[in-house]
């Protein structure tokens, strides 16, 4: 998700919120709802996010905001693994359209 130009190892919760377009209180809430999201804390007790944490936040955001999953549904998608979580609503629509096209083509051939 993050570009090749990223040089920092750790990001604050405010920086992550700005990157993904969510308020910090939403990120803190997601930490309570998604066991996979566990940013470290520095010596001062502040959350610090790695690039992997940020990628996970982007996936959670996409599942909840774009694909319209419930919290439970998003958790299940993340639990099922990377491949199923990466299929977006647009991907599913494209597959449905392709199936419809192929069925019509098959009907013409018959």
N, C-alpha and C. Protein backbone atom coordinates (compact mmCIF):
# COMPACT_ATOMS: atom_id res chain seq x y z
N UNK A 1 0.81 -1.19 0.00
CA UNK A 1 0.00 0.00 0.00
C UNK A 1 0.86 1.26 0.00
N UNK A 2 1.86 1.25 0.82
CA UNK A 2 2.72 2.42 0.88
C UNK A 2 3.73 2.36 -0.25
N UNK A 3 4.10 3.52 -0.75
CA UNK A 3 5.01 3.57 -1.88
C UNK A 3 6.42 3.19 -1.52
N UNK A 4 7.25 3.06 -2.55
CA UNK A 4 8.64 2.71 -2.35
C UNK A 4 9.42 3.85 -1.70
N UNK A 5 8.89 5.07 -1.73
CA UNK A 5 9.59 6.21 -1.18
C UNK A 5 9.47 6.34 0.33
N UNK A 6 8.83 5.41 0.98
CA UNK A 6 8.65 5.47 2.43
C UNK A 6 9.97 5.11 3.11
N UNK A 7 10.44 6.00 3.99
CA UNK A 7 11.72 5.75 4.63
C UNK A 7 11.61 5.57 6.14
N UNK A 8 10.50 5.94 6.72
CA UNK A 8 10.35 5.82 8.17
C UNK A 8 10.04 4.39 8.56
N UNK A 9 10.52 4.00 9.72
CA UNK A 9 10.21 2.67 10.25
C UNK A 9 8.93 2.69 11.07
N UNK A 10 8.66 3.80 11.74
CA UNK A 10 7.52 3.89 12.63
C UNK A 10 6.76 5.19 12.39
N UNK A 11 5.44 5.11 12.55
CA UNK A 11 4.57 6.25 12.35
C UNK A 11 3.68 6.43 13.57
N UNK A 12 3.37 7.67 13.89
CA UNK A 12 2.46 7.94 15.00
C UNK A 12 1.03 7.66 14.56
N UNK A 13 0.14 7.58 15.53
CA UNK A 13 -1.26 7.33 15.22
C UNK A 13 -1.84 8.49 14.40
N UNK A 14 -1.39 9.70 14.66
CA UNK A 14 -1.85 10.86 13.89
C UNK A 14 -1.42 10.78 12.44
N UNK A 15 -0.17 10.36 12.21
CA UNK A 15 0.32 10.21 10.84
C UNK A 15 -0.45 9.12 10.10
N UNK A 16 -0.72 8.02 10.78
CA UNK A 16 -1.47 6.92 10.16
C UNK A 16 -2.89 7.38 9.85
N UNK A 17 -3.51 8.09 10.77
CA UNK A 17 -4.85 8.60 10.53
C UNK A 17 -4.90 9.49 9.30
N UNK A 18 -3.90 10.34 9.15
CA UNK A 18 -3.84 11.21 7.96
C UNK A 18 -3.63 10.40 6.69
N UNK A 19 -2.78 9.38 6.76
CA UNK A 19 -2.51 8.55 5.58
C UNK A 19 -3.75 7.82 5.10
N UNK A 20 -4.52 7.26 6.02
CA UNK A 20 -5.66 6.42 5.63
C UNK A 20 -6.98 7.18 5.61
N UNK A 21 -6.99 8.40 6.12
CA UNK A 21 -8.22 9.19 6.10
C UNK A 21 -9.19 8.84 7.20
N UNK A 22 -8.68 8.48 8.36
CA UNK A 22 -9.53 8.15 9.51
C UNK A 22 -9.05 8.94 10.72
N UNK A 23 -9.98 9.22 11.62
CA UNK A 23 -9.63 9.89 12.87
C UNK A 23 -8.89 8.92 13.79
N UNK A 24 -8.09 9.47 14.69
CA UNK A 24 -7.30 8.62 15.58
C UNK A 24 -8.18 7.79 16.51
N UNK A 25 -9.33 8.32 16.92
CA UNK A 25 -10.20 7.54 17.80
C UNK A 25 -10.74 6.31 17.08
N UNK A 26 -10.91 6.41 15.76
CA UNK A 26 -11.37 5.26 14.97
C UNK A 26 -10.28 4.19 14.95
N UNK A 27 -9.03 4.60 14.78
CA UNK A 27 -7.91 3.63 14.78
C UNK A 27 -7.81 2.94 16.14
N UNK A 28 -7.97 3.70 17.21
CA UNK A 28 -7.92 3.09 18.55
C UNK A 28 -9.07 2.10 18.73
N UNK A 29 -10.25 2.43 18.22
CA UNK A 29 -11.39 1.52 18.30
C UNK A 29 -11.11 0.25 17.51
N UNK A 30 -10.57 0.40 16.30
CA UNK A 30 -10.26 -0.78 15.48
C UNK A 30 -9.28 -1.70 16.19
N UNK A 31 -8.37 -1.14 16.99
CA UNK A 31 -7.44 -1.98 17.75
C UNK A 31 -8.20 -2.90 18.71
N UNK A 32 -9.32 -2.43 19.23
CA UNK A 32 -10.10 -3.26 20.16
C UNK A 32 -10.93 -4.29 19.41
N UNK A 33 -11.25 -4.03 18.16
CA UNK A 33 -12.13 -4.91 17.38
C UNK A 33 -11.38 -5.92 16.51
N UNK A 34 -10.15 -5.62 16.15
CA UNK A 34 -9.37 -6.49 15.27
C UNK A 34 -8.10 -6.93 15.99
N UNK A 35 -8.07 -8.18 16.44
CA UNK A 35 -6.90 -8.66 17.20
C UNK A 35 -5.61 -8.63 16.38
N UNK A 36 -5.73 -8.60 15.06
CA UNK A 36 -4.54 -8.57 14.20
C UNK A 36 -3.83 -7.21 14.28
N UNK A 37 -4.56 -6.17 14.64
CA UNK A 37 -4.02 -4.81 14.67
C UNK A 37 -3.49 -4.51 16.07
N UNK A 38 -2.19 -4.65 16.23
CA UNK A 38 -1.56 -4.42 17.53
C UNK A 38 -0.29 -3.58 17.33
N UNK A 39 -0.43 -2.27 17.16
CA UNK A 39 0.78 -1.45 17.03
C UNK A 39 1.57 -1.48 18.34
N UNK A 40 2.87 -1.35 18.19
CA UNK A 40 3.72 -1.31 19.38
C UNK A 40 3.56 0.02 20.08
N UNK A 41 4.09 0.08 21.28
CA UNK A 41 4.13 1.34 22.00
C UNK A 41 5.59 1.67 22.29
N UNK A 42 5.93 2.94 22.15
CA UNK A 42 7.31 3.35 22.42
C UNK A 42 7.51 3.54 23.92
N UNK A 43 8.68 4.00 24.29
CA UNK A 43 8.99 4.16 25.72
C UNK A 43 8.05 5.12 26.42
N UNK A 44 7.55 6.09 25.67
CA UNK A 44 6.62 7.07 26.25
C UNK A 44 5.19 6.54 26.31
N UNK A 45 4.97 5.35 25.77
CA UNK A 45 3.63 4.76 25.79
C UNK A 45 2.77 5.14 24.60
N UNK A 46 3.36 5.82 23.63
CA UNK A 46 2.62 6.22 22.43
C UNK A 46 2.62 5.09 21.41
N UNK A 47 1.51 4.94 20.69
CA UNK A 47 1.43 3.92 19.65
C UNK A 47 2.36 4.27 18.50
N UNK A 48 3.05 3.25 18.00
CA UNK A 48 3.87 3.43 16.80
C UNK A 48 3.52 2.31 15.83
N UNK A 49 3.22 2.71 14.62
CA UNK A 49 2.77 1.78 13.58
C UNK A 49 3.90 1.51 12.60
N UNK A 50 4.05 0.24 12.22
CA UNK A 50 5.00 -0.14 11.18
C UNK A 50 4.28 -0.09 9.83
N UNK A 51 5.04 -0.27 8.76
CA UNK A 51 4.44 -0.32 7.42
C UNK A 51 3.43 -1.46 7.33
N UNK A 52 3.72 -2.59 7.97
CA UNK A 52 2.79 -3.73 7.96
C UNK A 52 1.50 -3.37 8.70
N UNK A 53 1.62 -2.66 9.82
CA UNK A 53 0.43 -2.21 10.54
C UNK A 53 -0.42 -1.30 9.67
N UNK A 54 0.24 -0.41 8.94
CA UNK A 54 -0.48 0.54 8.08
C UNK A 54 -1.18 -0.20 6.94
N UNK A 55 -0.52 -1.19 6.37
CA UNK A 55 -1.17 -1.99 5.32
C UNK A 55 -2.43 -2.65 5.87
N UNK A 56 -2.36 -3.16 7.09
CA UNK A 56 -3.52 -3.79 7.71
C UNK A 56 -4.63 -2.76 7.93
N UNK A 57 -4.28 -1.57 8.36
CA UNK A 57 -5.28 -0.51 8.56
C UNK A 57 -5.97 -0.19 7.24
N UNK A 58 -5.19 -0.11 6.15
CA UNK A 58 -5.78 0.13 4.83
C UNK A 58 -6.75 -1.00 4.46
N UNK A 59 -6.38 -2.25 4.74
CA UNK A 59 -7.28 -3.38 4.43
C UNK A 59 -8.56 -3.31 5.25
N UNK A 60 -8.42 -3.00 6.54
CA UNK A 60 -9.60 -2.88 7.40
C UNK A 60 -10.50 -1.75 6.89
N UNK A 61 -9.90 -0.63 6.56
CA UNK A 61 -10.68 0.51 6.06
C UNK A 61 -11.42 0.14 4.78
N UNK A 62 -10.74 -0.54 3.87
CA UNK A 62 -11.38 -0.93 2.61
C UNK A 62 -12.55 -1.88 2.87
N UNK A 63 -12.35 -2.86 3.74
CA UNK A 63 -13.42 -3.81 4.04
C UNK A 63 -14.63 -3.12 4.65
N UNK A 64 -14.40 -2.18 5.57
CA UNK A 64 -15.50 -1.52 6.25
C UNK A 64 -16.14 -0.41 5.42
N UNK A 65 -15.33 0.42 4.81
CA UNK A 65 -15.85 1.62 4.13
C UNK A 65 -16.24 1.36 2.68
N UNK A 66 -15.42 0.65 1.93
CA UNK A 66 -15.68 0.45 0.51
C UNK A 66 -16.51 -0.80 0.25
N UNK A 67 -16.13 -1.91 0.87
CA UNK A 67 -16.83 -3.17 0.64
C UNK A 67 -18.05 -3.33 1.54
N UNK A 68 -18.22 -2.40 2.50
CA UNK A 68 -19.41 -2.35 3.37
C UNK A 68 -19.60 -3.59 4.25
N UNK A 69 -18.49 -4.18 4.70
CA UNK A 69 -18.60 -5.30 5.64
C UNK A 69 -18.94 -4.76 7.02
N UNK A 70 -19.60 -5.59 7.82
CA UNK A 70 -19.76 -5.28 9.23
C UNK A 70 -18.42 -5.55 9.91
N UNK A 71 -18.31 -5.16 11.17
CA UNK A 71 -17.07 -5.45 11.90
C UNK A 71 -16.81 -6.95 11.92
N UNK A 72 -17.85 -7.73 12.21
CA UNK A 72 -17.69 -9.19 12.26
C UNK A 72 -17.30 -9.74 10.89
N UNK A 73 -17.95 -9.24 9.85
CA UNK A 73 -17.63 -9.70 8.50
C UNK A 73 -16.20 -9.36 8.10
N UNK A 74 -15.75 -8.17 8.47
CA UNK A 74 -14.38 -7.77 8.16
C UNK A 74 -13.39 -8.65 8.93
N UNK A 75 -13.71 -8.94 10.19
CA UNK A 75 -12.84 -9.84 10.98
C UNK A 75 -12.74 -11.20 10.30
N UNK A 76 -13.88 -11.72 9.85
CA UNK A 76 -13.88 -13.03 9.18
C UNK A 76 -13.06 -12.99 7.90
N UNK A 77 -13.19 -11.92 7.13
CA UNK A 77 -12.42 -11.81 5.90
C UNK A 77 -10.92 -11.79 6.20
N UNK A 78 -10.53 -11.05 7.22
CA UNK A 78 -9.11 -11.01 7.58
C UNK A 78 -8.64 -12.37 8.09
N UNK A 79 -9.50 -13.07 8.83
CA UNK A 79 -9.14 -14.39 9.34
C UNK A 79 -8.99 -15.41 8.21
N UNK A 80 -9.77 -15.25 7.16
CA UNK A 80 -9.72 -16.19 6.03
C UNK A 80 -8.42 -16.07 5.24
N UNK A 81 -7.77 -14.95 5.37
CA UNK A 81 -6.49 -14.82 4.70
C UNK A 81 -6.48 -13.73 3.66
N UNK A 82 -5.31 -13.49 3.18
CA UNK A 82 -5.04 -12.39 2.26
C UNK A 82 -5.85 -12.48 0.98
N UNK A 83 -5.92 -13.63 0.37
CA UNK A 83 -6.55 -13.74 -0.95
C UNK A 83 -8.02 -13.35 -0.90
N UNK A 84 -8.75 -13.85 0.08
CA UNK A 84 -10.18 -13.53 0.13
C UNK A 84 -10.40 -12.08 0.57
N UNK A 85 -9.53 -11.55 1.39
CA UNK A 85 -9.69 -10.17 1.84
C UNK A 85 -9.41 -9.18 0.73
N UNK A 86 -8.61 -9.59 -0.25
CA UNK A 86 -8.26 -8.67 -1.32
C UNK A 86 -9.33 -8.57 -2.39
N UNK A 87 -10.30 -9.46 -2.42
CA UNK A 87 -11.35 -9.37 -3.43
C UNK A 87 -12.33 -8.28 -3.02
N UNK A 88 -12.37 -7.24 -3.80
CA UNK A 88 -13.23 -6.11 -3.49
C UNK A 88 -14.61 -6.30 -4.10
N UNK A 89 -15.51 -5.40 -3.76
CA UNK A 89 -16.85 -5.44 -4.34
C UNK A 89 -16.77 -5.27 -5.85
N UNK A 90 -15.85 -4.42 -6.31
CA UNK A 90 -15.68 -4.23 -7.76
C UNK A 90 -15.21 -5.52 -8.43
N UNK A 91 -14.32 -6.25 -7.76
CA UNK A 91 -13.86 -7.53 -8.31
C UNK A 91 -15.03 -8.50 -8.43
N UNK A 92 -15.87 -8.54 -7.41
CA UNK A 92 -17.02 -9.44 -7.44
C UNK A 92 -18.00 -9.05 -8.55
N UNK A 93 -18.22 -7.74 -8.74
CA UNK A 93 -19.08 -7.28 -9.83
C UNK A 93 -18.51 -7.67 -11.18
N UNK A 94 -17.19 -7.49 -11.34
CA UNK A 94 -16.55 -7.86 -12.60
C UNK A 94 -16.71 -9.35 -12.88
N UNK A 95 -16.54 -10.17 -11.86
CA UNK A 95 -16.70 -11.61 -12.04
C UNK A 95 -18.14 -11.97 -12.40
N UNK A 96 -19.09 -11.29 -11.77
CA UNK A 96 -20.50 -11.55 -12.07
C UNK A 96 -20.81 -11.15 -13.51
N UNK A 97 -20.29 -9.99 -13.93
CA UNK A 97 -20.50 -9.54 -15.31
C UNK A 97 -19.88 -10.51 -16.31
N UNK A 98 -18.69 -11.00 -16.00
CA UNK A 98 -18.03 -11.96 -16.87
C UNK A 98 -18.84 -13.25 -16.96
N UNK A 99 -19.35 -13.70 -15.84
CA UNK A 99 -20.17 -14.92 -15.84
C UNK A 99 -21.42 -14.73 -16.70
N UNK A 100 -22.08 -13.58 -16.55
CA UNK A 100 -23.28 -13.29 -17.35
C UNK A 100 -22.94 -13.29 -18.83
N UNK A 101 -21.83 -12.67 -19.19
CA UNK A 101 -21.40 -12.63 -20.59
C UNK A 101 -21.15 -14.04 -21.11
N UNK A 102 -20.46 -14.86 -20.33
CA UNK A 102 -20.14 -16.22 -20.78
C UNK A 102 -21.40 -17.07 -20.91
N UNK A 103 -22.36 -16.90 -20.01
CA UNK A 103 -23.61 -17.65 -20.11
C UNK A 103 -24.36 -17.26 -21.38
N UNK A 104 -24.41 -15.96 -21.68
CA UNK A 104 -25.08 -15.50 -22.91
C UNK A 104 -24.36 -16.02 -24.15
N UNK A 105 -23.05 -16.01 -24.11
CA UNK A 105 -22.27 -16.52 -25.24
C UNK A 105 -22.53 -18.01 -25.44
N UNK A 106 -22.58 -18.75 -24.37
CA UNK A 106 -22.87 -20.18 -24.44
C UNK A 106 -24.27 -20.43 -25.01
N UNK A 107 -25.24 -19.61 -24.62
CA UNK A 107 -26.60 -19.74 -25.15
C UNK A 107 -26.64 -19.48 -26.66
N UNK A 108 -25.85 -18.53 -27.13
CA UNK A 108 -25.79 -18.24 -28.57
C UNK A 108 -25.20 -19.41 -29.35
N UNK A 109 -24.20 -20.04 -28.75
CA UNK A 109 -23.53 -21.16 -29.42
C UNK A 109 -24.47 -22.34 -29.55
N UNK A 110 -25.30 -22.55 -28.57
CA UNK A 110 -26.23 -23.70 -28.57
C UNK A 110 -27.25 -23.44 -29.59
